[in-house]
C-alpha cells in the first residue's frame, strides 16, 4: 500500500528510549567541548557522518572493474591508488594514502590491521565486524592460509601469500584477478562480480555466473 502523507494511522514515536551508553556520553561531551573551543562547528560532525554513510564497497568495485578493462588506468592505480580513484570522482576526506595490491597467478594479497581497524573507508565504507576482531587481526599474520581456508579460499602452495598491515596513514585495497570467461561483460557487469571481501583479499571475485 502506498504511504500517503494524508493517511491517519497511528504511529509510535520514533525515538531511542534506552539510556545513553558510556560511549554515547563521552561522544557528546567531546563534541560539546570541541564546539565550545571553536575547533569545529555544530554541523561539521553531521556532515562528516553523512560522507561516511555515503561510502560503500560499490565504489571499490567500480575501481576494480575499470582496472580490469583499462590497462592504463590499472597501471596508474597500482602506482598511486588515491590519485587513480580521484579520477573516478571518489574523494578522500582524510590524509590517508591508498596502496592497491594486485593479485596474480603467483601472488595472493591479504589485508589486515593488526593494531585496530584501519581500512580504506573512502572506497569500501565501514569495515566488517570480523575485520576488527582480534583473532582475525592476529591469525591473518601468523597463519594466513588457514584464515583464508576458513573463508573457503584455498591458496595453492606455489602461490605466495602476502599480508599487508594497514596503518593510520596507509590503507590497502586488493585488486582481485579478473574471473575467466568475462570478456563479454561490460564495466557495470564486471563491477557486480567484485565483493567487499574480495577487495580485502579473503575471497576471489565472483565468477560470471555469480559463484566463487
Foldseek 3Di string as FASTA:
>chain_A
DDDDPPDDDDDDDPDDPDDDDPVRVVVVVVLVVCVVVVVDPPCPVVVVVVLLVVAALLLVLLLLLCVVVPVVLVVVCQVFVQVSSVVVVQDDPDQAGEHEAEDDLAEFEAEAALPAQDAPSSHHHDDDPVRGDNVCSPCCPVPVQVQLVVVVDHRDPRHHYHYDHDDPRYHYWYNADQAPPCPPPDSVLSSVQDDSNVRNRSDGTAHSVRHD
